C-alpha atoms as a PDB file:
ATOM      1  CA  MET A   1       0.120   0.052   0.158  1.00  0.00           C
ATOM      2  CA  SER A   2       1.151   3.549  -0.601  1.00  0.00           C
ATOM      3  CA  GLN A   3      -0.018   6.948   0.167  1.00  0.00           C
ATOM      4  CA  PRO A   4       0.449   9.340  -2.820  1.00  0.00           C
ATOM      5  CA  VAL A   5       1.656  12.973  -1.926  1.00  0.00           C
ATOM      6  CA  GLN A   6       2.955  15.748  -4.301  1.00  0.00           C
ATOM      7  CA  TRP A   7       3.029  19.553  -4.652  1.00  0.00           C
ATOM      8  CA  VAL A   8       0.403  20.785  -6.989  1.00  0.00           C
ATOM      9  CA  GLU A   9      -0.316  24.343  -8.634  1.00  0.00           C
ATOM     10  CA  ILE A  10      -3.681  25.997  -8.025  1.00  0.00           C
ATOM     11  CA  PRO A  11      -4.270  28.651 -10.770  1.00  0.00           C
ATOM     12  CA  HIS A  12      -5.091  32.222  -9.884  1.00  0.00           C
ATOM     13  CA  PRO A  13      -5.441  35.298 -12.022  1.00  0.00           C
ATOM     14  CA  GLY A  14      -1.775  36.433 -12.571  1.00  0.00           C
ATOM     15  CA  GLY A  15      -0.151  33.326 -11.058  1.00  0.00           C
ATOM     16  CA  SER A  16      -0.473  30.163  -9.386  1.00  0.00           C
ATOM     17  CA  GLN A  17      -0.468  28.933  -5.794  1.00  0.00           C
ATOM     18  CA  ARG A  18       1.461  25.902  -4.733  1.00  0.00           C
ATOM     19  CA  GLY A  19      -0.183  23.290  -2.381  1.00  0.00           C
ATOM     20  CA  TYR A  20       0.711  20.071  -0.842  1.00  0.00           C
ATOM     21  CA  LEU A  21      -1.639  17.459  -1.785  1.00  0.00           C
ATOM     22  CA  ALA A  22      -2.146  14.119   0.052  1.00  0.00           C
ATOM     23  CA  LEU A  23      -4.450  11.195  -1.224  1.00  0.00           C
ATOM     24  CA  PRO A  24      -5.710   8.093   0.563  1.00  0.00           C
ATOM     25  CA  GLU A  25      -3.856   4.752   0.193  1.00  0.00           C
ATOM     26  CA  ALA A  26      -5.164   3.110  -2.994  1.00  0.00           C
ATOM     27  CA  GLY A  27      -2.951   0.013  -3.226  1.00  0.00           C
ATOM     28  CA  PRO A  28      -1.036  -0.113  -6.543  1.00  0.00           C
ATOM     29  CA  VAL A  29      -1.154   3.711  -7.721  1.00  0.00           C
ATOM     30  CA  SER A  30       0.045   4.990 -11.216  1.00  0.00           C
ATOM     31  CA  GLY A  31       0.893   8.464 -10.376  1.00  0.00           C
ATOM     32  CA  MET A  32      -1.878  10.252  -8.785  1.00  0.00           C
ATOM     33  CA  SER A  33      -4.595   8.420 -10.529  1.00  0.00           C
ATOM     34  CA  HIS A  34      -7.331   6.889  -8.793  1.00  0.00           C
ATOM     35  CA  PRO A  35      -9.605   5.631 -11.577  1.00  0.00           C
ATOM     36  CA  GLY A  36     -13.221   5.285 -10.306  1.00  0.00           C
ATOM     37  CA  VAL A  37     -12.355   6.017  -6.635  1.00  0.00           C
ATOM     38  CA  THR A  38     -13.375   9.315  -5.041  1.00  0.00           C
ATOM     39  CA  HIS A  39     -13.357  10.687  -1.626  1.00  0.00           C
ATOM     40  CA  PRO A  40     -14.395  13.760   0.310  1.00  0.00           C
ATOM     41  CA  GLY A  41     -11.762  16.675   0.377  1.00  0.00           C
ATOM     42  CA  VAL A  42     -10.192  18.869   3.136  1.00  0.00           C
ATOM     43  CA  VAL A  43      -8.366  21.996   2.729  1.00  0.00           C
ATOM     44  CA  VAL A  44      -5.715  22.539   5.687  1.00  0.00           C
ATOM     45  CA  ILE A  45      -4.671  25.980   6.438  1.00  0.00           C
ATOM     46  CA  GLN A  46      -1.350  26.592   7.852  1.00  0.00           C
ATOM     47  CA  GLU A  47      -0.202  28.737  10.858  1.00  0.00           C
ATOM     48  CA  ILE A  48       1.979  31.638  10.139  1.00  0.00           C
ATOM     49  CA  PHE A  49       4.913  29.322   9.586  1.00  0.00           C
ATOM     50  CA  GLY A  50       3.931  28.043   6.393  1.00  0.00           C
ATOM     51  CA  VAL A  51       3.272  24.622   4.901  1.00  0.00           C
ATOM     52  CA  ASN A  52       5.814  23.176   7.091  1.00  0.00           C
ATOM     53  CA  GLU A  53       6.381  19.515   8.037  1.00  0.00           C
ATOM     54  CA  HIS A  54       3.642  19.585  10.666  1.00  0.00           C
ATOM     55  CA  ILE A  55       0.993  21.098   8.363  1.00  0.00           C
ATOM     56  CA  GLN A  56       2.184  18.363   5.700  1.00  0.00           C
ATOM     57  CA  SER A  57       1.835  15.566   8.485  1.00  0.00           C
ATOM     58  CA  VAL A  58      -1.805  16.916   9.077  1.00  0.00           C
ATOM     59  CA  ALA A  59      -2.598  16.630   5.470  1.00  0.00           C
ATOM     60  CA  ARG A  60      -1.090  12.892   5.513  1.00  0.00           C
ATOM     61  CA  ARG A  61      -3.099  11.968   8.515  1.00  0.00           C
ATOM     62  CA  LEU A  62      -6.337  13.156   6.930  1.00  0.00           C
ATOM     63  CA  ALA A  63      -5.481  11.120   3.872  1.00  0.00           C
ATOM     64  CA  GLN A  64      -4.980   7.987   6.134  1.00  0.00           C
ATOM     65  CA  ALA A  65      -8.581   8.726   7.343  1.00  0.00           C
ATOM     66  CA  GLY A  66      -9.808   8.675   3.939  1.00  0.00           C
ATOM     67  CA  TYR A  67      -9.901  12.404   2.649  1.00  0.00           C
ATOM     68  CA  VAL A  68      -8.114  14.044  -0.048  1.00  0.00           C
ATOM     69  CA  ALA A  69      -6.142  16.746   1.721  1.00  0.00           C
ATOM     70  CA  LEU A  70      -4.816  20.028   0.298  1.00  0.00           C
ATOM     71  CA  ALA A  71      -2.598  22.374   2.259  1.00  0.00           C
ATOM     72  CA  PRO A  72      -2.221  25.584   0.131  1.00  0.00           C
ATOM     73  CA  ASP A  73       1.010  27.970   0.493  1.00  0.00           C
ATOM     74  CA  MET A  74      -0.618  31.000   1.776  1.00  0.00           C
ATOM     75  CA  PHE A  75       2.680  32.970   1.416  1.00  0.00           C
ATOM     76  CA  TRP A  76       2.657  32.410  -2.268  1.00  0.00           C
ATOM     77  CA  ARG A  77       1.915  36.251  -3.049  1.00  0.00           C
ATOM     78  CA  VAL A  78       4.920  37.249  -0.919  1.00  0.00           C
ATOM     79  CA  GLU A  79       7.372  34.572  -0.585  1.00  0.00           C
ATOM     80  CA  PRO A  80       6.423  31.334  -2.195  1.00  0.00           C
ATOM     81  CA  GLY A  81       7.536  28.047  -0.366  1.00  0.00           C
ATOM     82  CA  PHE A  82       8.552  30.139   2.712  1.00  0.00           C
ATOM     83  CA  THR A  83       8.511  27.958   5.915  1.00  0.00           C
ATOM     84  CA  ALA A  84       9.779  28.723   9.497  1.00  0.00           C
ATOM     85  CA  GLY A  85      10.385  26.847  12.696  1.00  0.00           C
ATOM     86  CA  TYR A  86       8.550  27.522  16.138  1.00  0.00           C
ATOM     87  CA  THR A  87      11.090  29.905  17.430  1.00  0.00           C
ATOM     88  CA  PRO A  88      10.584  33.485  18.810  1.00  0.00           C
ATOM     89  CA  ASP A  89      13.159  35.007  16.393  1.00  0.00           C
ATOM     90  CA  THR A  90      10.933  33.804  13.422  1.00  0.00           C
ATOM     91  CA  MET A  91       7.667  35.159  14.727  1.00  0.00           C
ATOM     92  CA  GLU A  92       7.508  38.575  13.512  1.00  0.00           C
ATOM     93  CA  LYS A  93       9.179  37.654  10.161  1.00  0.00           C
ATOM     94  CA  CYS A  94       6.056  35.241   9.695  1.00  0.00           C
ATOM     95  CA  ARG A  95       3.629  37.657  10.834  1.00  0.00           C
ATOM     96  CA  GLY A  96       4.801  40.139   8.347  1.00  0.00           C
ATOM     97  CA  ARG A  97       4.694  37.859   5.411  1.00  0.00           C
ATOM     98  CA  ILE A  98       0.968  37.009   6.359  1.00  0.00           C
ATOM     99  CA  ALA A  99       0.067  40.629   7.036  1.00  0.00           C
ATOM    100  CA  ALA A 100       1.628  41.739   3.634  1.00  0.00           C
ATOM    101  CA  THR A 101      -1.659  40.197   1.951  1.00  0.00           C
ATOM    102  CA  PRO A 102      -5.268  41.421   2.946  1.00  0.00           C
ATOM    103  CA  LEU A 103      -7.349  38.931   4.783  1.00  0.00           C
ATOM    104  CA  GLU A 104     -10.013  39.088   2.130  1.00  0.00           C
ATOM    105  CA  THR A 105      -7.427  38.279  -0.611  1.00  0.00           C
ATOM    106  CA  HIS A 106      -6.306  35.246   1.664  1.00  0.00           C
ATOM    107  CA  ARG A 107      -9.828  34.352   1.953  1.00  0.00           C
ATOM    108  CA  GLU A 108     -10.486  34.483  -1.919  1.00  0.00           C
ATOM    109  CA  ASP A 109      -7.245  32.385  -2.364  1.00  0.00           C
ATOM    110  CA  LEU A 110      -8.767  29.599   0.057  1.00  0.00           C
ATOM    111  CA  SER A 111     -12.080  29.689  -1.825  1.00  0.00           C
ATOM    112  CA  ARG A 112     -10.125  29.125  -5.011  1.00  0.00           C
ATOM    113  CA  ALA A 113      -8.446  26.294  -3.171  1.00  0.00           C
ATOM    114  CA  LEU A 114     -11.736  24.693  -2.002  1.00  0.00           C
ATOM    115  CA  ALA A 115     -13.087  25.072  -5.602  1.00  0.00           C
ATOM    116  CA  TRP A 116      -9.936  23.433  -7.102  1.00  0.00           C
ATOM    117  CA  LEU A 117     -10.066  20.510  -4.584  1.00  0.00           C
ATOM    118  CA  GLY A 118     -13.645  20.015  -5.365  1.00  0.00           C
ATOM    119  CA  ARG A 119     -12.862  19.635  -8.854  1.00  0.00           C
ATOM    120  CA  HIS A 120      -9.977  17.184  -8.433  1.00  0.00           C
ATOM    121  CA  PRO A 121     -10.492  13.719 -10.042  1.00  0.00           C
ATOM    122  CA  ALA A 122      -9.983  12.117  -6.582  1.00  0.00           C
ATOM    123  CA  VAL A 123     -12.905  14.175  -5.169  1.00  0.00           C
ATOM    124  CA  ALA A 124     -14.915  14.720  -8.343  1.00  0.00           C
ATOM    125  CA  GLY A 125     -17.584  16.865  -6.864  1.00  0.00           C
ATOM    126  CA  LYS A 126     -17.825  15.252  -3.349  1.00  0.00           C
ATOM    127  CA  LYS A 127     -18.058  17.451  -0.453  1.00  0.00           C
ATOM    128  CA  VAL A 128     -15.105  19.465   0.817  1.00  0.00           C
ATOM    129  CA  GLY A 129     -14.323  20.575   4.314  1.00  0.00           C
ATOM    130  CA  LEU A 130     -11.932  22.976   5.925  1.00  0.00           C
ATOM    131  CA  MET A 131      -9.554  23.104   8.899  1.00  0.00           C
ATOM    132  CA  GLY A 132      -7.011  25.447  10.165  1.00  0.00           C
ATOM    133  CA  PHE A 133      -4.704  26.269  13.122  1.00  0.00           C
ATOM    134  CA  CYS A 134      -3.884  29.680  14.957  1.00  0.00           C
ATOM    135  CA  TRP A 135      -3.888  32.112  11.969  1.00  0.00           C
ATOM    136  CA  GLY A 136      -5.396  29.345   9.992  1.00  0.00           C
ATOM    137  CA  GLY A 137      -7.989  28.926  12.615  1.00  0.00           C
ATOM    138  CA  LEU A 138      -9.187  32.486  11.995  1.00  0.00           C
ATOM    139  CA  MET A 139      -9.147  32.001   8.180  1.00  0.00           C
ATOM    140  CA  THR A 140     -11.233  28.673   8.721  1.00  0.00           C
ATOM    141  CA  TYR A 141     -13.826  31.002  10.350  1.00  0.00           C
ATOM    142  CA  LEU A 142     -13.828  33.733   7.863  1.00  0.00           C
ATOM    143  CA  THR A 143     -13.788  31.256   4.746  1.00  0.00           C
ATOM    144  CA  ALA A 144     -16.628  29.466   6.234  1.00  0.00           C
ATOM    145  CA  GLN A 145     -18.892  32.402   5.778  1.00  0.00           C
ATOM    146  CA  THR A 146     -21.455  32.337   3.133  1.00  0.00           C
ATOM    147  CA  LYS A 147     -20.949  35.301   1.104  1.00  0.00           C
ATOM    148  CA  ALA A 148     -20.177  36.273  -2.599  1.00  0.00           C
ATOM    149  CA  GLY A 149     -17.348  34.229  -3.350  1.00  0.00           C
ATOM    150  CA  VAL A 150     -14.877  33.821  -6.347  1.00  0.00           C
ATOM    151  CA  GLY A 151     -16.638  35.125  -9.545  1.00  0.00           C
ATOM    152  CA  GLY A 152     -18.937  37.232  -7.482  1.00  0.00           C
ATOM    153  CA  GLN A 153     -21.457  34.534  -6.719  1.00  0.00           C
ATOM    154  CA  ASP A 154     -21.696  31.802  -4.061  1.00  0.00           C
ATOM    155  CA  SER A 155     -20.480  28.324  -5.338  1.00  0.00           C
ATOM    156  CA  PRO A 156     -21.231  24.974  -3.483  1.00  0.00           C
ATOM    157  CA  GLN A 157     -17.418  24.439  -3.786  1.00  0.00           C
ATOM    158  CA  ALA A 158     -16.289  27.843  -2.960  1.00  0.00           C
ATOM    159  CA  VAL A 159     -17.353  27.455   0.692  1.00  0.00           C
ATOM    160  CA  PRO A 160     -16.813  24.272   2.986  1.00  0.00           C
ATOM    161  CA  HIS A 161     -19.442  21.942   3.973  1.00  0.00           C
ATOM    162  CA  ALA A 162     -17.990  21.670   7.357  1.00  0.00           C
ATOM    163  CA  ALA A 163     -15.104  23.494   9.197  1.00  0.00           C
ATOM    164  CA  ALA A 164     -12.910  22.966  12.184  1.00  0.00           C
ATOM    165  CA  ALA A 165     -10.855  25.845  13.609  1.00  0.00           C
ATOM    166  CA  PHE A 166      -8.150  25.117  16.069  1.00  0.00           C
ATOM    167  CA  TYR A 167      -7.050  28.100  18.592  1.00  0.00           C
ATOM    168  CA  GLY A 168      -8.039  30.843  15.921  1.00  0.00           C
ATOM    169  CA  ARG A 169      -6.470  33.867  17.345  1.00  0.00           C
ATOM    170  CA  ARG A 170      -8.502  37.173  16.817  1.00  0.00           C
ATOM    171  CA  THR A 171     -11.772  35.134  16.007  1.00  0.00           C
ATOM    172  CA  ASP A 172     -13.598  37.336  18.621  1.00  0.00           C
ATOM    173  CA  GLU A 173     -12.771  40.557  16.584  1.00  0.00           C
ATOM    174  CA  PHE A 174     -14.787  39.370  13.725  1.00  0.00           C
ATOM    175  CA  ILE A 175     -17.637  37.890  15.575  1.00  0.00           C
ATOM    176  CA  ALA A 176     -20.189  40.393  14.003  1.00  0.00           C
ATOM    177  CA  GLN A 177     -19.979  38.200  11.018  1.00  0.00           C
ATOM    178  CA  ALA A 178     -21.185  35.003  12.981  1.00  0.00           C
ATOM    179  CA  ASP A 179     -24.495  34.980  11.267  1.00  0.00           C
ATOM    180  CA  GLN A 180     -22.803  34.489   7.861  1.00  0.00           C
ATOM    181  CA  ILE A 181     -21.721  30.914   9.182  1.00  0.00           C
ATOM    182  CA  ARG A 182     -23.980  28.379   7.193  1.00  0.00           C
ATOM    183  CA  CYS A 183     -21.891  25.353   7.486  1.00  0.00           C
ATOM    184  CA  PRO A 184     -21.317  23.072  10.557  1.00  0.00           C
ATOM    185  CA  ILE A 185     -18.295  24.417  12.451  1.00  0.00           C
ATOM    186  CA  GLN A 186     -16.290  23.590  15.422  1.00  0.00           C
ATOM    187  CA  PHE A 187     -13.978  25.816  17.651  1.00  0.00           C
ATOM    188  CA  HIS A 188     -11.096  24.265  19.515  1.00  0.00           C
ATOM    189  CA  PHE A 189      -9.173  26.449  22.305  1.00  0.00           C
ATOM    190  CA  GLY A 190      -7.001  25.721  24.943  1.00  0.00           C
ATOM    191  CA  GLU A 191      -7.785  27.047  28.475  1.00  0.00           C
ATOM    192  CA  GLN A 192      -4.043  27.774  29.318  1.00  0.00           C
ATOM    193  CA  ASP A 193      -3.549  29.764  25.932  1.00  0.00           C
ATOM    194  CA  PRO A 194      -1.658  33.017  26.819  1.00  0.00           C
ATOM    195  CA  ILE A 195      -2.463  34.362  23.335  1.00  0.00           C
ATOM    196  CA  ILE A 196      -6.279  33.851  23.385  1.00  0.00           C
ATOM    197  CA  PRO A 197      -7.668  34.872  26.709  1.00  0.00           C
ATOM    198  CA  PRO A 198     -10.767  33.429  28.259  1.00  0.00           C
ATOM    199  CA  ALA A 199     -12.732  36.592  27.533  1.00  0.00           C
ATOM    200  CA  ALA A 200     -12.101  36.248  23.893  1.00  0.00           C
ATOM    201  CA  ILE A 201     -13.264  32.562  23.869  1.00  0.00           C
ATOM    202  CA  GLU A 202     -16.465  33.697  25.839  1.00  0.00           C
ATOM    203  CA  VAL A 203     -17.271  36.066  22.763  1.00  0.00           C
ATOM    204  CA  VAL A 204     -17.138  33.183  20.464  1.00  0.00           C
ATOM    205  CA  ARG A 205     -19.163  30.863  22.679  1.00  0.00           C
ATOM    206  CA  GLN A 206     -21.873  33.602  23.009  1.00  0.00           C
ATOM    207  CA  ALA A 207     -22.141  33.749  19.171  1.00  0.00           C
ATOM    208  CA  LEU A 208     -22.608  30.114  18.669  1.00  0.00           C
ATOM    209  CA  PRO A 209     -26.387  30.157  18.403  1.00  0.00           C
ATOM    210  CA  ARG A 210     -26.074  32.633  15.399  1.00  0.00           C
ATOM    211  CA  MET A 211     -24.189  30.066  13.367  1.00  0.00           C
ATOM    212  CA  ALA A 212     -25.232  26.696  11.988  1.00  0.00           C
ATOM    213  CA  GLN A 213     -24.458  23.594  13.971  1.00  0.00           C
ATOM    214  CA  ALA A 214     -21.614  25.415  15.872  1.00  0.00           C
ATOM    215  CA  GLN A 215     -19.678  23.587  18.661  1.00  0.00           C
ATOM    216  CA  LEU A 216     -17.025  25.085  20.912  1.00  0.00           C
ATOM    217  CA  PHE A 217     -14.576  22.902  22.782  1.00  0.00           C
ATOM    218  CA  THR A 218     -12.122  23.919  25.467  1.00  0.00           C
ATOM    219  CA  TYR A 219      -9.232  21.859  26.814  1.00  0.00           C
ATOM    220  CA  PRO A 220      -8.341  22.741  30.453  1.00  0.00           C
ATOM    221  CA  GLN A 221      -4.670  21.528  30.230  1.00  0.00           C
ATOM    222  CA  ALA A 222      -3.927  22.790  26.892  1.00  0.00           C
ATOM    223  CA  GLY A 223      -1.999  25.996  25.786  1.00  0.00           C
ATOM    224  CA  HIS A 224      -1.703  27.634  22.239  1.00  0.00           C
ATOM    225  CA  GLY A 225      -0.642  25.335  19.581  1.00  0.00           C
ATOM    226  CA  PHE A 226      -1.615  22.219  21.708  1.00  0.00           C
ATOM    227  CA  HIS A 227      -2.213  20.198  18.549  1.00  0.00           C
ATOM    228  CA  CYS A 228       1.292  20.514  17.120  1.00  0.00           C
ATOM    229  CA  ASP A 229       3.742  17.946  18.025  1.00  0.00           C
ATOM    230  CA  ALA A 230       6.583  20.550  16.974  1.00  0.00           C
ATOM    231  CA  ARG A 231       5.682  23.080  19.535  1.00  0.00           C
ATOM    232  CA  ALA A 232       6.321  23.262  23.284  1.00  0.00           C
ATOM    233  CA  ASP A 233       2.596  23.665  24.135  1.00  0.00           C
ATOM    234  CA  TYR A 234       1.812  20.129  22.345  1.00  0.00           C
ATOM    235  CA  HIS A 235      -0.481  18.280  24.648  1.00  0.00           C
ATOM    236  CA  PRO A 236      -1.174  14.941  23.379  1.00  0.00           C
ATOM    237  CA  PRO A 237      -4.381  13.965  25.189  1.00  0.00           C
ATOM    238  CA  SER A 238      -6.064  17.302  24.105  1.00  0.00           C
ATOM    239  CA  ALA A 239      -4.587  16.850  20.608  1.00  0.00           C
ATOM    240  CA  ALA A 240      -5.889  13.376  20.360  1.00  0.00           C
ATOM    241  CA  LEU A 241      -9.347  14.544  21.624  1.00  0.00           C
ATOM    242  CA  ALA A 242      -9.725  17.388  19.161  1.00  0.00           C
ATOM    243  CA  TRP A 243      -8.551  15.330  16.309  1.00  0.00           C
ATOM    244  CA  GLN A 244     -11.208  12.806  17.091  1.00  0.00           C
ATOM    245  CA  ARG A 245     -13.813  15.450  17.248  1.00  0.00           C
ATOM    246  CA  THR A 246     -12.878  16.897  13.976  1.00  0.00           C
ATOM    247  CA  LEU A 247     -12.975  13.475  12.282  1.00  0.00           C
ATOM    248  CA  ASP A 248     -16.355  12.856  13.813  1.00  0.00           C
ATOM    249  CA  LEU A 249     -17.633  16.322  12.336  1.00  0.00           C
ATOM    250  CA  PHE A 250     -16.317  15.516   8.833  1.00  0.00           C
ATOM    251  CA  SER A 251     -17.503  12.073   9.104  1.00  0.00           C
ATOM    252  CA  ARG A 252     -21.144  13.314   9.767  1.00  0.00           C
ATOM    253  CA  HIS A 253     -21.034  16.164   7.139  1.00  0.00           C
ATOM    254  CA  LEU A 254     -18.568  15.383   4.382  1.00  0.00           C
ATOM    255  CA  ARG A 255     -19.428  11.592   3.843  1.00  0.00           C
END
């Protein structure tokens, strides 16, 4: 058995966005071809550190669970292929690269990635979900909103059918847009997170009734980045529980 992975190009007006694509195991595989076999898809949104080994590993784990996973390079407009480690001296550099592109442009890029994945032969129109971490958690929330998408109109493939946002910093600042969430969505926060205070989490919790099938989970012993095994805040029990909850969400709404 083999799990095919490769870098792909997602076309955009004026350029193309690289993405890391992982497909489920399919026995003997000729290239990336899975004739007659299709699976739901999931777009994985990076942290500010790029599509690094951790984000690639998330895509591979999703593929092992039976999803076609795509992790698009969100730095492609500024410094394509840039990745960094989880060290304090890289924080400002990474934040600067993310901030160089407007949030709405990032959202449009993700809408295009969702549409591209929905058209991929291994997905072929099946449902597509979305998950992201830290900055990617915020972008998960923003991209899950139903509004005019690419081409000036809503598309079933331009917005996700389910979404999981892990420790999305600044989500509370955009809570006025909560009533635009039309797909089932989960939020995962660590109660020991020094970056996302309890008051910010409570703002999101209070807005849950305004969203469609929204759930919020907190993890008492977890800090920021608790799902990432490359970070100091990695907390295996919380990571395992959040991962299973996310798989349950995708199983209910993507399959």
